[in-house]
């Protein structure tokens, strides 16, 4: 993915969807951004526009902690080069 590391999008998907099952493909950048923003309070209702900077910032802060936990719990995960 362009912006999210493998561990980040996997941890994000697992946490937001409350399931240990990963999708066959990584989410699109738009979907990953909306999931991240949901961690920061973005509701994503039908009439809502795209998430703002505050929701994204808060979501990224939470995602950092969620990813750190994911990396601790999945010892065979490679953190990259």
PDB file of N, CA and C in Angstrom:
ATOM      1  N   UNK A   1       0.850  -1.177   0.000  1.00  0.00           N
ATOM      2  CA  UNK A   1       0.000   0.000   0.000  1.00  0.00           C
ATOM      3  C   UNK A   1       0.889   1.231   0.000  1.00  0.00           C
ATOM      4  N   UNK A   2       0.361   2.267  -0.495  1.00  0.00           N
ATOM      5  CA  UNK A   2       1.111   3.500  -0.681  1.00  0.00           C
ATOM      6  C   UNK A   2       1.497   4.180   0.625  1.00  0.00           C
ATOM      7  N   UNK A   3       0.595   4.192   1.598  1.00  0.00           N
ATOM      8  CA  UNK A   3       0.838   4.945   2.819  1.00  0.00           C
ATOM      9  C   UNK A   3       1.008   4.054   4.045  1.00  0.00           C
ATOM     10  N   UNK A   4       0.229   3.011   4.152  1.00  0.00           N
ATOM     11  CA  UNK A   4       0.234   2.160   5.335  1.00  0.00           C
ATOM     12  C   UNK A   4       1.158   0.964   5.149  1.00  0.00           C
ATOM     13  N   UNK A   5       1.941   0.674   6.179  1.00  0.00           N
ATOM     14  CA  UNK A   5       2.776  -0.522   6.168  1.00  0.00           C
ATOM     15  C   UNK A   5       1.872  -1.736   6.303  1.00  0.00           C
ATOM     16  N   UNK A   6       2.423  -2.899   5.980  1.00  0.00           N
ATOM     17  CA  UNK A   6       1.640  -4.132   6.047  1.00  0.00           C
ATOM     18  C   UNK A   6       1.058  -4.352   7.446  1.00  0.00           C
ATOM     19  N   UNK A   7       1.881  -4.198   8.464  1.00  0.00           N
ATOM     20  CA  UNK A   7       1.411  -4.404   9.834  1.00  0.00           C
ATOM     21  C   UNK A   7       0.321  -3.398  10.196  1.00  0.00           C
ATOM     22  N   UNK A   8       0.421  -2.176   9.677  1.00  0.00           N
ATOM     23  CA  UNK A   8      -0.565  -1.143  10.005  1.00  0.00           C
ATOM     24  C   UNK A   8      -1.933  -1.471   9.422  1.00  0.00           C
ATOM     25  N   UNK A   9      -1.978  -1.810   8.137  1.00  0.00           N
ATOM     26  CA  UNK A   9      -3.295  -2.059   7.556  1.00  0.00           C
ATOM     27  C   UNK A   9      -3.899  -3.346   8.095  1.00  0.00           C
ATOM     28  N   UNK A  10      -3.074  -4.331   8.416  1.00  0.00           N
ATOM     29  CA  UNK A  10      -3.605  -5.568   8.991  1.00  0.00           C
ATOM     30  C   UNK A  10      -4.153  -5.317  10.391  1.00  0.00           C
ATOM     31  N   UNK A  11      -3.399  -4.608  11.211  1.00  0.00           N
ATOM     32  CA  UNK A  11      -3.863  -4.277  12.562  1.00  0.00           C
ATOM     33  C   UNK A  11      -5.122  -3.424  12.502  1.00  0.00           C
ATOM     34  N   UNK A  12      -5.148  -2.480  11.578  1.00  0.00           N
ATOM     35  CA  UNK A  12      -6.301  -1.609  11.405  1.00  0.00           C
ATOM     36  C   UNK A  12      -7.543  -2.417  11.048  1.00  0.00           C
ATOM     37  N   UNK A  13      -7.406  -3.292  10.076  1.00  0.00           N
ATOM     38  CA  UNK A  13      -8.543  -4.114   9.645  1.00  0.00           C
ATOM     39  C   UNK A  13      -9.055  -5.000  10.780  1.00  0.00           C
ATOM     40  N   UNK A  14      -8.148  -5.658  11.473  1.00  0.00           N
ATOM     41  CA  UNK A  14      -8.528  -6.542  12.573  1.00  0.00           C
ATOM     42  C   UNK A  14      -9.233  -5.760  13.677  1.00  0.00           C
ATOM     43  N   UNK A  15      -8.699  -4.618  14.040  1.00  0.00           N
ATOM     44  CA  UNK A  15      -9.260  -3.824  15.141  1.00  0.00           C
ATOM     45  C   UNK A  15     -10.623  -3.233  14.778  1.00  0.00           C
ATOM     46  N   UNK A  16     -10.719  -2.606  13.616  1.00  0.00           N
ATOM     47  CA  UNK A  16     -11.961  -1.931  13.228  1.00  0.00           C
ATOM     48  C   UNK A  16     -13.084  -2.929  12.970  1.00  0.00           C
ATOM     49  N   UNK A  17     -12.765  -4.040  12.317  1.00  0.00           N
ATOM     50  CA  UNK A  17     -13.791  -5.019  11.967  1.00  0.00           C
ATOM     51  C   UNK A  17     -14.009  -6.073  13.044  1.00  0.00           C
ATOM     52  N   UNK A  18     -13.187  -6.033  14.078  1.00  0.00           N
ATOM     53  CA  UNK A  18     -13.303  -6.958  15.209  1.00  0.00           C
ATOM     54  C   UNK A  18     -13.333  -8.416  14.766  1.00  0.00           C
ATOM     55  N   UNK A  19     -12.379  -8.768  13.915  1.00  0.00           N
ATOM     56  CA  UNK A  19     -12.256 -10.130  13.426  1.00  0.00           C
ATOM     57  C   UNK A  19     -10.775 -10.434  13.181  1.00  0.00           C
ATOM     58  N   UNK A  20     -10.340 -11.652  13.461  1.00  0.00           N
ATOM     59  CA  UNK A  20      -8.947 -11.997  13.187  1.00  0.00           C
ATOM     60  C   UNK A  20      -8.707 -12.357  11.716  1.00  0.00           C
ATOM     61  N   UNK A  21      -9.776 -12.440  10.941  1.00  0.00           N
ATOM     62  CA  UNK A  21      -9.653 -12.812   9.533  1.00  0.00           C
ATOM     63  C   UNK A  21      -9.285 -11.608   8.683  1.00  0.00           C
ATOM     64  N   UNK A  22      -8.273 -11.788   7.871  1.00  0.00           N
ATOM     65  CA  UNK A  22      -7.832 -10.718   6.980  1.00  0.00           C
ATOM     66  C   UNK A  22      -8.465 -10.895   5.604  1.00  0.00           C
ATOM     67  N   UNK A  23      -8.690  -9.799   4.892  1.00  0.00           N
ATOM     68  CA  UNK A  23      -9.252  -9.910   3.542  1.00  0.00           C
ATOM     69  C   UNK A  23      -8.217 -10.487   2.576  1.00  0.00           C
ATOM     70  N   UNK A  24      -8.695 -10.925   1.419  1.00  0.00           N
ATOM     71  CA  UNK A  24      -7.796 -11.472   0.394  1.00  0.00           C
ATOM     72  C   UNK A  24      -6.838 -10.407  -0.134  1.00  0.00           C
ATOM     73  N   UNK A  25      -7.332  -9.176  -0.199  1.00  0.00           N
ATOM     74  CA  UNK A  25      -6.495  -8.066  -0.673  1.00  0.00           C
ATOM     75  C   UNK A  25      -6.481  -6.962   0.370  1.00  0.00           C
ATOM     76  N   UNK A  26      -5.432  -6.175   0.335  1.00  0.00           N
ATOM     77  CA  UNK A  26      -5.367  -5.035   1.258  1.00  0.00           C
ATOM     78  C   UNK A  26      -6.438  -4.020   0.866  1.00  0.00           C
ATOM     79  N   UNK A  27      -6.902  -3.234   1.844  1.00  0.00           N
ATOM     80  CA  UNK A  27      -7.935  -2.245   1.526  1.00  0.00           C
ATOM     81  C   UNK A  27      -7.390  -1.139   0.629  1.00  0.00           C
ATOM     82  N   UNK A  28      -8.308  -0.468  -0.041  1.00  0.00           N
ATOM     83  CA  UNK A  28      -7.889   0.676  -0.850  1.00  0.00           C
ATOM     84  C   UNK A  28      -7.408   1.775   0.094  1.00  0.00           C
ATOM     85  N   UNK A  29      -6.690   2.728  -0.428  1.00  0.00           N
ATOM     86  CA  UNK A  29      -6.206   3.841   0.392  1.00  0.00           C
ATOM     87  C   UNK A  29      -7.385   4.594   1.000  1.00  0.00           C
ATOM     88  N   UNK A  30      -8.432   4.807   0.235  1.00  0.00           N
ATOM     89  CA  UNK A  30      -9.619   5.503   0.744  1.00  0.00           C
ATOM     90  C   UNK A  30     -10.247   4.737   1.906  1.00  0.00           C
ATOM     91  N   UNK A  31     -10.389   3.429   1.758  1.00  0.00           N
ATOM     92  CA  UNK A  31     -10.977   2.621   2.830  1.00  0.00           C
ATOM     93  C   UNK A  31     -10.099   2.642   4.083  1.00  0.00           C
ATOM     94  N   UNK A  32      -8.792   2.554   3.892  1.00  0.00           N
ATOM     95  CA  UNK A  32      -7.878   2.567   5.036  1.00  0.00           C
ATOM     96  C   UNK A  32      -7.915   3.925   5.747  1.00  0.00           C
ATOM     97  N   UNK A  33      -8.007   4.999   4.990  1.00  0.00           N
ATOM     98  CA  UNK A  33      -8.088   6.334   5.583  1.00  0.00           C
ATOM     99  C   UNK A  33      -9.387   6.486   6.364  1.00  0.00           C
ATOM    100  N   UNK A  34     -10.487   5.998   5.810  1.00  0.00           N
ATOM    101  CA  UNK A  34     -11.771   6.103   6.507  1.00  0.00           C
ATOM    102  C   UNK A  34     -11.774   5.237   7.767  1.00  0.00           C
ATOM    103  N   UNK A  35     -11.151   4.061   7.724  1.00  0.00           N
ATOM    104  CA  UNK A  35     -11.047   3.225   8.923  1.00  0.00           C
ATOM    105  C   UNK A  35     -10.197   3.925   9.981  1.00  0.00           C
ATOM    106  N   UNK A  36      -9.092   4.518   9.550  1.00  0.00           N
ATOM    107  CA  UNK A  36      -8.220   5.244  10.478  1.00  0.00           C
ATOM    108  C   UNK A  36      -8.963   6.416  11.097  1.00  0.00           C
ATOM    109  N   UNK A  37      -9.685   7.160  10.277  1.00  0.00           N
ATOM    110  CA  UNK A  37     -10.446   8.299  10.780  1.00  0.00           C
ATOM    111  C   UNK A  37     -11.535   7.850  11.754  1.00  0.00           C
ATOM    112  N   UNK A  38     -12.061   6.652  11.554  1.00  0.00           N
ATOM    113  CA  UNK A  38     -13.084   6.156  12.482  1.00  0.00           C
ATOM    114  C   UNK A  38     -12.495   5.954  13.877  1.00  0.00           C
ATOM    115  N   UNK A  39     -11.215   5.646  13.944  1.00  0.00           N
ATOM    116  CA  UNK A  39     -10.546   5.536  15.246  1.00  0.00           C
ATOM    117  C   UNK A  39     -10.470   6.893  15.937  1.00  0.00           C
ATOM    118  N   UNK A  40     -10.511   7.958  15.136  1.00  0.00           N
ATOM    119  CA  UNK A  40     -10.430   9.312  15.672  1.00  0.00           C
ATOM    120  C   UNK A  40     -11.778   9.998  15.817  1.00  0.00           C
ATOM    121  N   UNK A  41     -12.863   9.247  15.635  1.00  0.00           N
ATOM    122  CA  UNK A  41     -14.180   9.813  15.858  1.00  0.00           C
ATOM    123  C   UNK A  41     -15.016  10.042  14.616  1.00  0.00           C
ATOM    124  N   UNK A  42     -14.479   9.801  13.444  1.00  0.00           N
ATOM    125  CA  UNK A  42     -15.230   9.968  12.198  1.00  0.00           C
ATOM    126  C   UNK A  42     -16.311   8.902  12.123  1.00  0.00           C
ATOM    127  N   UNK A  43     -17.555   9.320  11.858  1.00  0.00           N
ATOM    128  CA  UNK A  43     -18.673   8.382  11.854  1.00  0.00           C
ATOM    129  C   UNK A  43     -18.943   7.766  10.493  1.00  0.00           C
ATOM    130  N   UNK A  44     -18.611   8.456   9.427  1.00  0.00           N
ATOM    131  CA  UNK A  44     -18.775   7.911   8.084  1.00  0.00           C
ATOM    132  C   UNK A  44     -20.219   7.665   7.692  1.00  0.00           C
ATOM    133  N   UNK A  45     -21.126   8.536   8.120  1.00  0.00           N
ATOM    134  CA  UNK A  45     -22.529   8.388   7.761  1.00  0.00           C
ATOM    135  C   UNK A  45     -22.733   8.734   6.290  1.00  0.00           C
ATOM    136  N   UNK A  46     -23.880   8.362   5.780  1.00  0.00           N
ATOM    137  CA  UNK A  46     -24.177   8.547   4.361  1.00  0.00           C
ATOM    138  C   UNK A  46     -23.975   9.990   3.894  1.00  0.00           C
ATOM    139  N   UNK A  47     -24.390  10.955   4.690  1.00  0.00           N
ATOM    140  CA  UNK A  47     -24.289  12.358   4.308  1.00  0.00           C
ATOM    141  C   UNK A  47     -22.966  13.015   4.664  1.00  0.00           C
ATOM    142  N   UNK A  48     -22.097  12.297   5.352  1.00  0.00           N
ATOM    143  CA  UNK A  48     -20.806  12.871   5.757  1.00  0.00           C
ATOM    144  C   UNK A  48     -19.866  13.002   4.564  1.00  0.00           C
ATOM    145  N   UNK A  49     -19.052  14.036   4.613  1.00  0.00           N
ATOM    146  CA  UNK A  49     -18.014  14.202   3.595  1.00  0.00           C
ATOM    147  C   UNK A  49     -16.826  13.346   3.994  1.00  0.00           C
ATOM    148  N   UNK A  50     -15.698  13.557   3.347  1.00  0.00           N
ATOM    149  CA  UNK A  50     -14.489  12.806   3.708  1.00  0.00           C
ATOM    150  C   UNK A  50     -13.985  13.281   5.071  1.00  0.00           C
ATOM    151  N   UNK A  51     -13.241  12.438   5.788  1.00  0.00           N
ATOM    152  CA  UNK A  51     -12.776  12.809   7.128  1.00  0.00           C
ATOM    153  C   UNK A  51     -11.827  13.998   7.114  1.00  0.00           C
ATOM    154  N   UNK A  52     -11.849  14.729   8.218  1.00  0.00           N
ATOM    155  CA  UNK A  52     -11.000  15.903   8.348  1.00  0.00           C
ATOM    156  C   UNK A  52      -9.675  15.588   9.017  1.00  0.00           C
ATOM    157  N   UNK A  53      -8.845  16.614   9.129  1.00  0.00           N
ATOM    158  CA  UNK A  53      -7.503  16.434   9.673  1.00  0.00           C
ATOM    159  C   UNK A  53      -7.504  16.027  11.144  1.00  0.00           C
ATOM    160  N   UNK A  54      -8.454  16.547  11.922  1.00  0.00           N
ATOM    161  CA  UNK A  54      -8.485  16.207  13.353  1.00  0.00           C
ATOM    162  C   UNK A  54      -8.782  14.729  13.557  1.00  0.00           C
ATOM    163  N   UNK A  55      -9.803  14.222  12.863  1.00  0.00           N
ATOM    164  CA  UNK A  55     -10.154  12.805  12.982  1.00  0.00           C
ATOM    165  C   UNK A  55      -9.008  11.925  12.489  1.00  0.00           C
ATOM    166  N   UNK A  56      -8.362  12.329  11.408  1.00  0.00           N
ATOM    167  CA  UNK A  56      -7.229  11.548  10.889  1.00  0.00           C
ATOM    168  C   UNK A  56      -6.061  11.556  11.871  1.00  0.00           C
ATOM    169  N   UNK A  57      -5.754  12.705  12.430  1.00  0.00           N
ATOM    170  CA  UNK A  57      -4.641  12.806  13.371  1.00  0.00           C
ATOM    171  C   UNK A  57      -4.885  11.935  14.597  1.00  0.00           C
ATOM    172  N   UNK A  58      -6.085  12.031  15.156  1.00  0.00           N
ATOM    173  CA  UNK A  58      -6.421  11.207  16.325  1.00  0.00           C
ATOM    174  C   UNK A  58      -6.393   9.729  15.970  1.00  0.00           C
ATOM    175  N   UNK A  59      -6.908   9.394  14.795  1.00  0.00           N
ATOM    176  CA  UNK A  59      -6.902   8.001  14.349  1.00  0.00           C
ATOM    177  C   UNK A  59      -5.499   7.460  14.150  1.00  0.00           C
ATOM    178  N   UNK A  60      -4.619   8.264  13.585  1.00  0.00           N
ATOM    179  CA  UNK A  60      -3.228   7.833  13.386  1.00  0.00           C
ATOM    180  C   UNK A  60      -2.511   7.616  14.716  1.00  0.00           C
ATOM    181  N   UNK A  61      -2.820   8.440  15.697  1.00  0.00           N
ATOM    182  CA  UNK A  61      -2.224   8.245  17.024  1.00  0.00           C
ATOM    183  C   UNK A  61      -2.675   6.922  17.624  1.00  0.00           C
ATOM    184  N   UNK A  62      -3.951   6.621  17.514  1.00  0.00           N
ATOM    185  CA  UNK A  62      -4.460   5.350  18.027  1.00  0.00           C
ATOM    186  C   UNK A  62      -3.905   4.177  17.227  1.00  0.00           C
ATOM    187  N   UNK A  63      -3.819   4.351  15.893  1.00  0.00           N
ATOM    188  CA  UNK A  63      -3.312   3.279  15.043  1.00  0.00           C
ATOM    189  C   UNK A  63      -1.877   2.922  15.406  1.00  0.00           C
ATOM    190  N   UNK A  64      -1.090   3.901  15.801  1.00  0.00           N
ATOM    191  CA  UNK A  64       0.289   3.653  16.204  1.00  0.00           C
ATOM    192  C   UNK A  64       0.329   2.650  17.365  1.00  0.00           C
ATOM    193  N   UNK A  65      -0.502   2.864  18.358  1.00  0.00           N
ATOM    194  CA  UNK A  65      -0.555   1.961  19.512  1.00  0.00           C
ATOM    195  C   UNK A  65      -1.122   0.598  19.140  1.00  0.00           C
ATOM    196  N   UNK A  66      -2.151   0.589  18.304  1.00  0.00           N
ATOM    197  CA  UNK A  66      -2.765  -0.668  17.875  1.00  0.00           C
ATOM    198  C   UNK A  66      -1.754  -1.499  17.086  1.00  0.00           C
ATOM    199  N   UNK A  67      -0.986  -0.849  16.224  1.00  0.00           N
ATOM    200  CA  UNK A  67       0.017  -1.560  15.430  1.00  0.00           C
ATOM    201  C   UNK A  67       1.139  -2.100  16.314  1.00  0.00           C
ATOM    202  N   UNK A  68       1.553  -1.334  17.313  1.00  0.00           N
ATOM    203  CA  UNK A  68       2.590  -1.812  18.231  1.00  0.00           C
ATOM    204  C   UNK A  68       2.118  -3.069  18.955  1.00  0.00           C
ATOM    205  N   UNK A  69       0.871  -3.080  19.367  1.00  0.00           N
ATOM    206  CA  UNK A  69       0.311  -4.257  20.029  1.00  0.00           C
ATOM    207  C   UNK A  69       0.244  -5.431  19.067  1.00  0.00           C
ATOM    208  N   UNK A  70      -0.191  -5.177  17.843  1.00  0.00           N
ATOM    209  CA  UNK A  70      -0.265  -6.219  16.819  1.00  0.00           C
ATOM    210  C   UNK A  70       1.116  -6.848  16.602  1.00  0.00           C
ATOM    211  N   UNK A  71       2.134  -6.019  16.513  1.00  0.00           N
ATOM    212  CA  UNK A  71       3.490  -6.536  16.294  1.00  0.00           C
ATOM    213  C   UNK A  71       3.969  -7.384  17.470  1.00  0.00           C
ATOM    214  N   UNK A  72       3.566  -7.040  18.671  1.00  0.00           N
ATOM    215  CA  UNK A  72       3.932  -7.836  19.848  1.00  0.00           C
ATOM    216  C   UNK A  72       3.208  -9.182  19.853  1.00  0.00           C
ATOM    217  N   UNK A  73       1.963  -9.181  19.405  1.00  0.00           N
ATOM    218  CA  UNK A  73       1.166 -10.398  19.456  1.00  0.00           C
ATOM    219  C   UNK A  73       1.368 -11.323  18.273  1.00  0.00           C
ATOM    220  N   UNK A  74       1.975 -10.815  17.217  1.00  0.00           N
ATOM    221  CA  UNK A  74       2.245 -11.636  16.041  1.00  0.00           C
ATOM    222  C   UNK A  74       3.776 -11.674  15.854  1.00  0.00           C
ATOM    223  N   UNK A  75       4.448 -12.547  16.622  1.00  0.00           N
ATOM    224  CA  UNK A  75       5.917 -12.528  16.615  1.00  0.00           C
ATOM    225  C   UNK A  75       6.544 -12.891  15.259  1.00  0.00           C
ATOM    226  N   UNK A  76       5.851 -13.610  14.426  1.00  0.00           N
ATOM    227  CA  UNK A  76       6.441 -13.993  13.141  1.00  0.00           C
ATOM    228  C   UNK A  76       6.302 -12.914  12.066  1.00  0.00           C
ATOM    229  N   UNK A  77       5.659 -11.804  12.421  1.00  0.00           N
ATOM    230  CA  UNK A  77       5.496 -10.710  11.467  1.00  0.00           C
ATOM    231  C   UNK A  77       6.835 -10.020  11.230  1.00  0.00           C
ATOM    232  N   UNK A  78       7.171  -9.815   9.983  1.00  0.00           N
ATOM    233  CA  UNK A  78       8.397  -9.087   9.645  1.00  0.00           C
ATOM    234  C   UNK A  78       8.057  -7.612   9.560  1.00  0.00           C
ATOM    235  N   UNK A  79       8.819  -6.780  10.221  1.00  0.00           N
ATOM    236  CA  UNK A  79       8.533  -5.356  10.226  1.00  0.00           C
ATOM    237  C   UNK A  79       9.124  -4.613   9.043  1.00  0.00           C
ATOM    238  N   UNK A  80       9.632  -5.328   8.080  1.00  0.00           N
ATOM    239  CA  UNK A  80      10.117  -4.670   6.870  1.00  0.00           C
ATOM    240  C   UNK A  80      11.624  -4.635   6.799  1.00  0.00           C
ATOM    241  N   UNK A  81      12.112  -3.965   5.755  1.00  0.00           N
ATOM    242  CA  UNK A  81      13.578  -3.924   5.539  1.00  0.00           C
ATOM    243  C   UNK A  81      14.313  -3.102   6.561  1.00  0.00           C
TER     244      UNK A  81
END
